[in-house]
């Protein structure tokens, strides 16, 4: 796996609102700047081709929405080149590591060569979707520290 520098990682705190397709996200950059957004993924032709909409929020809007009941997911995202990002999960999901890459369409996604440091392709496995991980948890079928590859969210 590529070297991961904690000093360059973004802290991502996702709040998944149960019973909805809504995700409230707080991203803290290495320089301490923060971005808040409300996202919604729409049903589509598989996990690799789902449309998503984001609304950027100010701190007050984020705080108001953060009062909603939600399942929390915390990870540190490392950009490692070649379009890949590696997410290292914290809290209840500690030990899970996912590599993500975005593609414009299924053909481009299918053409991506999985790096040698990835051990499983989980793009179409709903068990690795953010909302599923936040609400249902991670039920490891392999040893902790597994590196997987999945179609990525927006950066």
N, C-alpha and C. Protein backbone atom coordinates (compact mmCIF):
# COMPACT_ATOMS: atom_id res chain seq x y z
N UNK A 1 0.86 -1.18 0.00
CA UNK A 1 0.00 0.00 0.00
C UNK A 1 0.90 1.24 0.00
N UNK A 2 0.46 2.29 -0.69
CA UNK A 2 1.28 3.51 -0.70
C UNK A 2 1.43 4.07 0.72
N UNK A 3 2.50 4.82 0.91
CA UNK A 3 2.74 5.50 2.19
C UNK A 3 1.63 6.52 2.42
N UNK A 4 1.08 6.54 3.62
CA UNK A 4 0.01 7.48 3.97
C UNK A 4 0.55 8.49 4.97
N UNK A 5 0.50 9.76 4.60
CA UNK A 5 1.00 10.84 5.46
C UNK A 5 -0.17 11.46 6.20
N UNK A 6 -0.28 11.24 7.51
CA UNK A 6 -1.41 11.79 8.28
C UNK A 6 -1.51 13.31 8.18
N UNK A 7 -0.40 13.98 7.93
CA UNK A 7 -0.41 15.44 7.87
C UNK A 7 -1.13 15.97 6.62
N UNK A 8 -1.32 15.12 5.62
CA UNK A 8 -1.97 15.58 4.38
C UNK A 8 -3.39 15.03 4.21
N UNK A 9 -3.85 14.25 5.17
CA UNK A 9 -5.18 13.63 5.06
C UNK A 9 -6.27 14.63 5.41
N UNK A 10 -7.42 14.45 4.77
CA UNK A 10 -8.62 15.21 5.13
C UNK A 10 -9.45 14.36 6.08
N UNK A 11 -9.97 14.99 7.13
CA UNK A 11 -10.87 14.32 8.06
C UNK A 11 -12.28 14.47 7.51
N UNK A 12 -12.95 13.35 7.31
CA UNK A 12 -14.32 13.36 6.79
C UNK A 12 -15.24 12.77 7.85
N UNK A 13 -16.23 13.56 8.24
CA UNK A 13 -17.24 13.12 9.21
C UNK A 13 -18.58 13.13 8.50
N UNK A 14 -19.12 11.94 8.29
CA UNK A 14 -20.40 11.79 7.59
C UNK A 14 -21.49 11.43 8.58
N UNK A 15 -22.64 12.04 8.40
CA UNK A 15 -23.83 11.74 9.20
C UNK A 15 -24.90 11.26 8.24
N UNK A 16 -25.25 9.98 8.30
CA UNK A 16 -26.27 9.39 7.43
C UNK A 16 -27.60 9.40 8.18
N UNK A 17 -28.59 10.03 7.56
CA UNK A 17 -29.91 10.16 8.19
C UNK A 17 -30.70 8.89 7.85
N UNK A 18 -30.98 8.05 8.88
CA UNK A 18 -31.69 6.79 8.63
C UNK A 18 -33.04 7.02 7.95
N UNK A 19 -33.39 6.10 7.05
CA UNK A 19 -34.66 6.17 6.34
C UNK A 19 -34.64 7.13 5.16
N UNK A 20 -33.47 7.72 4.87
CA UNK A 20 -33.35 8.65 3.75
C UNK A 20 -32.09 8.30 2.95
N UNK A 21 -31.88 9.01 1.86
CA UNK A 21 -30.65 8.89 1.09
C UNK A 21 -29.77 10.11 1.34
N UNK A 22 -29.97 10.78 2.48
CA UNK A 22 -29.25 12.01 2.79
C UNK A 22 -27.99 11.75 3.61
N UNK A 23 -26.95 12.49 3.26
CA UNK A 23 -25.69 12.44 4.00
C UNK A 23 -25.24 13.86 4.28
N UNK A 24 -24.99 14.15 5.55
CA UNK A 24 -24.44 15.43 5.96
C UNK A 24 -22.94 15.22 6.16
N UNK A 25 -22.13 16.02 5.48
CA UNK A 25 -20.68 15.80 5.50
C UNK A 25 -19.96 17.05 5.97
N UNK A 26 -18.96 16.80 6.83
CA UNK A 26 -18.04 17.85 7.28
C UNK A 26 -16.64 17.37 6.89
N UNK A 27 -15.95 18.19 6.09
CA UNK A 27 -14.60 17.85 5.64
C UNK A 27 -13.64 18.90 6.20
N UNK A 28 -12.66 18.42 6.97
CA UNK A 28 -11.65 19.30 7.52
C UNK A 28 -10.34 19.03 6.78
N UNK A 29 -9.85 20.06 6.10
CA UNK A 29 -8.61 19.94 5.33
C UNK A 29 -7.41 19.99 6.27
N UNK A 30 -6.24 19.58 5.79
CA UNK A 30 -5.05 19.61 6.63
C UNK A 30 -4.74 21.01 7.18
N UNK A 31 -5.13 22.06 6.46
CA UNK A 31 -4.87 23.42 6.93
C UNK A 31 -5.93 23.90 7.93
N UNK A 32 -6.90 23.05 8.26
CA UNK A 32 -7.92 23.41 9.24
C UNK A 32 -9.18 24.00 8.64
N UNK A 33 -9.19 24.28 7.35
CA UNK A 33 -10.39 24.81 6.73
C UNK A 33 -11.46 23.72 6.68
N UNK A 34 -12.71 24.15 6.77
CA UNK A 34 -13.82 23.20 6.86
C UNK A 34 -14.84 23.48 5.76
N UNK A 35 -15.35 22.41 5.16
CA UNK A 35 -16.43 22.49 4.18
C UNK A 35 -17.57 21.62 4.70
N UNK A 36 -18.78 22.17 4.62
CA UNK A 36 -19.98 21.43 5.03
C UNK A 36 -20.86 21.24 3.80
N UNK A 37 -21.44 20.05 3.69
CA UNK A 37 -22.37 19.84 2.58
C UNK A 37 -23.41 18.79 2.91
N UNK A 38 -24.54 18.95 2.27
CA UNK A 38 -25.63 17.99 2.37
C UNK A 38 -25.72 17.31 1.02
N UNK A 39 -25.63 15.98 1.02
CA UNK A 39 -25.64 15.23 -0.23
C UNK A 39 -26.78 14.25 -0.27
N UNK A 40 -27.17 13.93 -1.50
CA UNK A 40 -28.18 12.90 -1.72
C UNK A 40 -27.77 12.10 -2.94
N UNK A 41 -27.76 10.77 -2.76
CA UNK A 41 -27.49 9.87 -3.88
C UNK A 41 -28.84 9.36 -4.39
N UNK A 42 -28.94 9.29 -5.70
CA UNK A 42 -30.18 8.86 -6.33
C UNK A 42 -30.05 7.44 -6.85
N UNK A 43 -31.13 6.67 -6.80
CA UNK A 43 -31.08 5.31 -7.34
C UNK A 43 -30.67 5.36 -8.81
N UNK A 44 -29.93 4.35 -9.22
CA UNK A 44 -29.49 4.33 -10.60
C UNK A 44 -29.14 2.94 -11.03
N UNK A 45 -28.34 2.86 -12.06
CA UNK A 45 -27.97 1.57 -12.65
C UNK A 45 -26.80 0.92 -11.95
N UNK A 46 -26.91 0.68 -10.67
CA UNK A 46 -25.82 0.04 -9.92
C UNK A 46 -25.05 1.06 -9.12
N UNK A 47 -24.24 0.56 -8.21
CA UNK A 47 -23.48 1.45 -7.34
C UNK A 47 -22.46 2.28 -8.09
N UNK A 48 -21.99 1.80 -9.22
CA UNK A 48 -20.94 2.51 -9.94
C UNK A 48 -21.48 3.64 -10.82
N UNK A 49 -22.78 3.82 -10.88
CA UNK A 49 -23.31 4.88 -11.75
C UNK A 49 -24.49 5.60 -11.10
N UNK A 50 -24.32 5.95 -9.85
CA UNK A 50 -25.39 6.66 -9.15
C UNK A 50 -25.15 8.16 -9.19
N UNK A 51 -26.18 8.90 -9.56
CA UNK A 51 -26.08 10.36 -9.55
C UNK A 51 -26.10 10.86 -8.12
N UNK A 52 -25.43 11.99 -7.90
CA UNK A 52 -25.39 12.58 -6.58
C UNK A 52 -25.47 14.09 -6.68
N UNK A 53 -26.17 14.68 -5.72
CA UNK A 53 -26.29 16.12 -5.64
C UNK A 53 -25.73 16.57 -4.30
N UNK A 54 -25.00 17.68 -4.29
CA UNK A 54 -24.49 18.28 -3.05
C UNK A 54 -24.96 19.71 -2.95
N UNK A 55 -25.31 20.09 -1.74
CA UNK A 55 -25.61 21.49 -1.42
C UNK A 55 -24.58 21.91 -0.39
N UNK A 56 -23.85 22.97 -0.68
CA UNK A 56 -22.84 23.45 0.27
C UNK A 56 -23.54 24.31 1.32
N UNK A 57 -23.13 24.12 2.57
CA UNK A 57 -23.78 24.76 3.71
C UNK A 57 -22.81 25.64 4.47
N UNK A 58 -23.36 26.63 5.18
CA UNK A 58 -22.51 27.38 6.11
C UNK A 58 -22.56 26.66 7.46
N UNK A 59 -21.76 27.12 8.42
CA UNK A 59 -21.65 26.44 9.70
C UNK A 59 -22.98 26.38 10.45
N UNK A 60 -23.77 27.44 10.38
CA UNK A 60 -25.06 27.47 11.08
C UNK A 60 -26.04 26.46 10.46
N UNK A 61 -26.06 26.38 9.14
CA UNK A 61 -26.94 25.41 8.47
C UNK A 61 -26.51 23.99 8.82
N UNK A 62 -25.21 23.75 8.81
CA UNK A 62 -24.69 22.43 9.16
C UNK A 62 -25.11 22.07 10.59
N UNK A 63 -24.93 22.99 11.52
CA UNK A 63 -25.27 22.73 12.92
C UNK A 63 -26.74 22.41 13.09
N UNK A 64 -27.60 23.12 12.37
CA UNK A 64 -29.04 22.85 12.47
C UNK A 64 -29.36 21.44 11.97
N UNK A 65 -28.78 21.05 10.86
CA UNK A 65 -29.04 19.72 10.31
C UNK A 65 -28.34 18.61 11.11
N UNK A 66 -27.23 18.94 11.75
CA UNK A 66 -26.51 17.94 12.55
C UNK A 66 -27.31 17.52 13.78
N UNK A 67 -28.36 18.27 14.12
CA UNK A 67 -29.22 17.90 15.25
C UNK A 67 -30.14 16.73 14.90
N UNK A 68 -30.28 16.41 13.61
CA UNK A 68 -31.11 15.27 13.21
C UNK A 68 -30.47 13.97 13.69
N UNK A 69 -31.30 12.97 14.01
CA UNK A 69 -30.72 11.66 14.33
C UNK A 69 -29.94 11.15 13.11
N UNK A 70 -28.78 10.57 13.34
CA UNK A 70 -27.96 10.12 12.23
C UNK A 70 -26.97 9.06 12.69
N UNK A 71 -26.51 8.26 11.74
CA UNK A 71 -25.45 7.29 11.98
C UNK A 71 -24.14 7.94 11.52
N UNK A 72 -23.14 7.91 12.39
CA UNK A 72 -21.88 8.60 12.14
C UNK A 72 -20.84 7.67 11.52
N UNK A 73 -20.10 8.21 10.57
CA UNK A 73 -18.98 7.52 9.93
C UNK A 73 -17.83 8.52 9.88
N UNK A 74 -16.67 8.12 10.39
CA UNK A 74 -15.50 9.01 10.41
C UNK A 74 -14.35 8.31 9.71
N UNK A 75 -13.69 9.05 8.82
CA UNK A 75 -12.55 8.49 8.09
C UNK A 75 -11.57 9.60 7.75
N UNK A 76 -10.36 9.18 7.46
CA UNK A 76 -9.33 10.11 6.97
C UNK A 76 -9.02 9.70 5.54
N UNK A 77 -9.15 10.68 4.64
CA UNK A 77 -8.94 10.43 3.21
C UNK A 77 -7.57 10.91 2.79
N UNK A 78 -6.83 9.97 2.17
CA UNK A 78 -5.48 10.25 1.68
C UNK A 78 -5.50 10.15 0.16
N UNK A 79 -5.12 11.22 -0.53
CA UNK A 79 -4.96 11.16 -1.98
C UNK A 79 -3.59 10.55 -2.26
N UNK A 80 -3.56 9.48 -3.06
CA UNK A 80 -2.31 8.75 -3.27
C UNK A 80 -1.85 8.74 -4.73
N UNK A 81 -2.49 9.54 -5.57
CA UNK A 81 -2.07 9.61 -6.96
C UNK A 81 -2.83 8.62 -7.85
N UNK A 82 -2.75 8.88 -9.13
CA UNK A 82 -3.42 8.02 -10.10
C UNK A 82 -4.94 8.08 -9.99
N UNK A 83 -5.45 9.13 -9.34
CA UNK A 83 -6.89 9.27 -9.15
C UNK A 83 -7.43 8.53 -7.94
N UNK A 84 -6.56 7.80 -7.25
CA UNK A 84 -7.00 7.01 -6.10
C UNK A 84 -6.95 7.82 -4.81
N UNK A 85 -7.90 7.54 -3.94
CA UNK A 85 -7.89 8.03 -2.57
C UNK A 85 -8.05 6.82 -1.67
N UNK A 86 -7.37 6.84 -0.54
CA UNK A 86 -7.49 5.76 0.43
C UNK A 86 -8.15 6.33 1.67
N UNK A 87 -9.25 5.69 2.07
CA UNK A 87 -9.99 6.08 3.27
C UNK A 87 -9.63 5.13 4.40
N UNK A 88 -9.15 5.69 5.50
CA UNK A 88 -8.82 4.92 6.69
C UNK A 88 -9.90 5.27 7.72
N UNK A 89 -10.69 4.27 8.09
CA UNK A 89 -11.84 4.50 8.95
C UNK A 89 -11.45 4.51 10.42
N UNK A 90 -12.24 5.25 11.20
CA UNK A 90 -11.99 5.38 12.63
C UNK A 90 -13.22 4.91 13.41
N UNK A 91 -13.12 4.92 14.72
CA UNK A 91 -14.25 4.55 15.56
C UNK A 91 -14.63 3.10 15.40
N UNK A 92 -15.93 2.83 15.31
CA UNK A 92 -16.44 1.46 15.20
C UNK A 92 -15.93 0.76 13.94
N UNK A 93 -15.51 1.51 12.93
CA UNK A 93 -15.04 0.92 11.68
C UNK A 93 -13.51 0.85 11.59
N UNK A 94 -12.83 1.11 12.71
CA UNK A 94 -11.37 1.07 12.73
C UNK A 94 -10.89 -0.29 12.21
N UNK A 95 -9.88 -0.24 11.36
CA UNK A 95 -9.36 -1.46 10.73
C UNK A 95 -9.78 -1.59 9.29
N UNK A 96 -10.84 -0.89 8.91
CA UNK A 96 -11.30 -0.93 7.52
C UNK A 96 -10.57 0.14 6.73
N UNK A 97 -10.06 -0.25 5.58
CA UNK A 97 -9.38 0.68 4.68
C UNK A 97 -9.96 0.43 3.29
N UNK A 98 -10.47 1.49 2.66
CA UNK A 98 -11.02 1.38 1.31
C UNK A 98 -10.27 2.32 0.38
N UNK A 99 -9.96 1.83 -0.80
CA UNK A 99 -9.41 2.68 -1.85
C UNK A 99 -10.55 3.02 -2.79
N UNK A 100 -10.63 4.28 -3.16
CA UNK A 100 -11.70 4.73 -4.06
C UNK A 100 -11.10 5.42 -5.27
N UNK A 101 -11.83 5.31 -6.36
CA UNK A 101 -11.49 6.04 -7.57
C UNK A 101 -12.80 6.38 -8.27
N UNK A 102 -12.85 7.55 -8.85
CA UNK A 102 -14.04 7.95 -9.59
C UNK A 102 -13.80 7.79 -11.07
N UNK A 103 -14.88 7.50 -11.78
CA UNK A 103 -14.82 7.37 -13.23
C UNK A 103 -16.07 8.03 -13.81
N UNK A 104 -15.97 8.47 -15.05
CA UNK A 104 -17.10 9.15 -15.69
C UNK A 104 -18.19 8.19 -16.13
N UNK A 105 -17.84 6.93 -16.39
CA UNK A 105 -18.84 5.97 -16.81
C UNK A 105 -18.37 4.55 -16.49
N UNK A 106 -19.26 3.58 -16.68
CA UNK A 106 -18.93 2.19 -16.36
C UNK A 106 -17.77 1.66 -17.20
N UNK A 107 -17.68 2.08 -18.46
CA UNK A 107 -16.59 1.60 -19.32
C UNK A 107 -15.24 2.09 -18.78
N UNK A 108 -15.17 3.36 -18.38
CA UNK A 108 -13.93 3.89 -17.82
C UNK A 108 -13.60 3.18 -16.51
N UNK A 109 -14.61 2.93 -15.70
CA UNK A 109 -14.41 2.23 -14.43
C UNK A 109 -13.88 0.82 -14.67
N UNK A 110 -14.45 0.13 -15.65
CA UNK A 110 -14.04 -1.24 -15.95
C UNK A 110 -12.60 -1.30 -16.48
N UNK A 111 -12.13 -0.21 -17.08
CA UNK A 111 -10.78 -0.19 -17.66
C UNK A 111 -9.69 0.07 -16.62
N UNK A 112 -10.07 0.45 -15.42
CA UNK A 112 -9.08 0.75 -14.39
C UNK A 112 -8.41 -0.54 -13.93
N UNK A 113 -7.11 -0.51 -13.91
CA UNK A 113 -6.34 -1.65 -13.44
C UNK A 113 -6.18 -1.52 -11.93
N UNK A 114 -6.64 -2.54 -11.22
CA UNK A 114 -6.55 -2.52 -9.76
C UNK A 114 -5.09 -2.60 -9.34
N UNK A 115 -4.64 -1.66 -8.50
CA UNK A 115 -3.25 -1.70 -8.03
C UNK A 115 -2.98 -2.98 -7.24
N UNK A 116 -1.74 -3.38 -7.20
CA UNK A 116 -1.36 -4.62 -6.50
C UNK A 116 -1.67 -4.55 -5.01
N UNK A 117 -1.76 -3.34 -4.46
CA UNK A 117 -2.02 -3.21 -3.02
C UNK A 117 -3.51 -3.34 -2.68
N UNK A 118 -4.35 -3.50 -3.67
CA UNK A 118 -5.78 -3.77 -3.42
C UNK A 118 -6.00 -5.27 -3.46
N UNK A 119 -6.83 -5.76 -2.55
CA UNK A 119 -7.02 -7.20 -2.51
C UNK A 119 -8.42 -7.64 -2.89
N UNK A 120 -9.37 -6.70 -3.02
CA UNK A 120 -10.73 -7.08 -3.39
C UNK A 120 -11.41 -5.92 -4.09
N UNK A 121 -12.27 -6.24 -5.02
CA UNK A 121 -13.09 -5.26 -5.75
C UNK A 121 -14.48 -5.29 -5.13
N UNK A 122 -14.93 -4.17 -4.56
CA UNK A 122 -16.22 -4.15 -3.86
C UNK A 122 -17.18 -3.08 -4.38
N UNK A 123 -16.93 -2.60 -5.59
CA UNK A 123 -17.76 -1.53 -6.14
C UNK A 123 -19.24 -1.83 -6.06
N UNK A 124 -19.63 -3.04 -6.41
CA UNK A 124 -21.06 -3.38 -6.44
C UNK A 124 -21.56 -4.01 -5.14
N UNK A 125 -20.74 -4.05 -4.12
CA UNK A 125 -21.11 -4.66 -2.84
C UNK A 125 -21.69 -3.60 -1.91
N UNK A 126 -22.99 -3.59 -1.75
CA UNK A 126 -23.68 -2.58 -0.95
C UNK A 126 -23.21 -2.58 0.50
N UNK A 127 -22.61 -3.66 0.97
CA UNK A 127 -22.10 -3.73 2.34
C UNK A 127 -21.01 -2.69 2.59
N UNK A 128 -20.35 -2.22 1.51
CA UNK A 128 -19.28 -1.24 1.65
C UNK A 128 -19.72 0.18 1.32
N UNK A 129 -20.99 0.38 1.05
CA UNK A 129 -21.50 1.74 0.82
C UNK A 129 -21.46 2.50 2.14
N UNK A 130 -21.19 3.79 2.08
CA UNK A 130 -21.05 4.59 3.29
C UNK A 130 -22.22 4.49 4.25
N UNK A 131 -23.44 4.62 3.72
CA UNK A 131 -24.62 4.54 4.57
C UNK A 131 -24.77 3.19 5.24
N UNK A 132 -24.48 2.13 4.51
CA UNK A 132 -24.56 0.79 5.08
C UNK A 132 -23.53 0.62 6.19
N UNK A 133 -22.30 1.07 5.94
CA UNK A 133 -21.26 0.96 6.96
C UNK A 133 -21.63 1.75 8.21
N UNK A 134 -22.17 2.96 8.02
CA UNK A 134 -22.52 3.80 9.17
C UNK A 134 -23.66 3.21 9.98
N UNK A 135 -24.67 2.70 9.30
CA UNK A 135 -25.88 2.22 9.98
C UNK A 135 -25.74 0.78 10.46
N UNK A 136 -25.20 -0.10 9.61
CA UNK A 136 -25.13 -1.52 9.94
C UNK A 136 -23.78 -1.97 10.46
N UNK A 137 -22.75 -1.16 10.24
CA UNK A 137 -21.40 -1.54 10.66
C UNK A 137 -20.70 -2.37 9.61
N UNK A 138 -19.48 -2.74 9.95
CA UNK A 138 -18.63 -3.53 9.05
C UNK A 138 -18.54 -4.94 9.59
N UNK A 139 -18.88 -5.89 8.75
CA UNK A 139 -18.83 -7.29 9.13
C UNK A 139 -17.73 -7.93 8.31
N UNK A 140 -16.52 -7.83 8.82
CA UNK A 140 -15.34 -8.27 8.08
C UNK A 140 -15.41 -9.74 7.72
N UNK A 141 -15.11 -10.02 6.48
CA UNK A 141 -15.01 -11.41 6.04
C UNK A 141 -13.55 -11.80 5.86
N UNK A 142 -12.67 -10.82 6.05
CA UNK A 142 -11.24 -11.08 5.97
C UNK A 142 -10.58 -10.40 7.16
N UNK A 143 -9.28 -10.44 7.20
CA UNK A 143 -8.56 -9.86 8.32
C UNK A 143 -8.69 -8.34 8.33
N UNK A 144 -8.65 -7.70 9.51
CA UNK A 144 -8.65 -6.24 9.56
C UNK A 144 -7.48 -5.69 8.75
N UNK A 145 -7.65 -4.50 8.23
CA UNK A 145 -6.62 -3.90 7.42
C UNK A 145 -6.81 -4.19 5.95
N UNK A 146 -7.92 -4.83 5.59
CA UNK A 146 -8.19 -5.14 4.19
C UNK A 146 -8.20 -3.85 3.37
N UNK A 147 -7.61 -3.90 2.22
CA UNK A 147 -7.65 -2.78 1.29
C UNK A 147 -8.55 -3.20 0.14
N UNK A 148 -9.54 -2.43 -0.13
CA UNK A 148 -10.47 -2.74 -1.20
C UNK A 148 -10.57 -1.56 -2.13
N UNK A 149 -11.17 -1.78 -3.25
CA UNK A 149 -11.34 -0.71 -4.23
C UNK A 149 -12.82 -0.54 -4.51
N UNK A 150 -13.26 0.69 -4.55
CA UNK A 150 -14.66 0.97 -4.82
C UNK A 150 -14.76 2.26 -5.61
N UNK A 151 -15.81 2.37 -6.39
CA UNK A 151 -16.06 3.61 -7.10
C UNK A 151 -16.25 4.70 -6.08
N UNK A 152 -15.64 5.84 -6.28
CA UNK A 152 -15.59 6.86 -5.25
C UNK A 152 -16.69 7.89 -5.30
N UNK A 153 -16.84 8.54 -4.18
CA UNK A 153 -17.69 9.71 -4.07
C UNK A 153 -17.00 10.88 -4.73
N UNK A 154 -17.68 12.00 -4.72
CA UNK A 154 -17.04 13.23 -5.15
C UNK A 154 -15.93 13.55 -4.17
N UNK A 155 -14.98 14.29 -4.57
CA UNK A 155 -13.87 14.65 -3.71
C UNK A 155 -14.26 15.88 -2.99
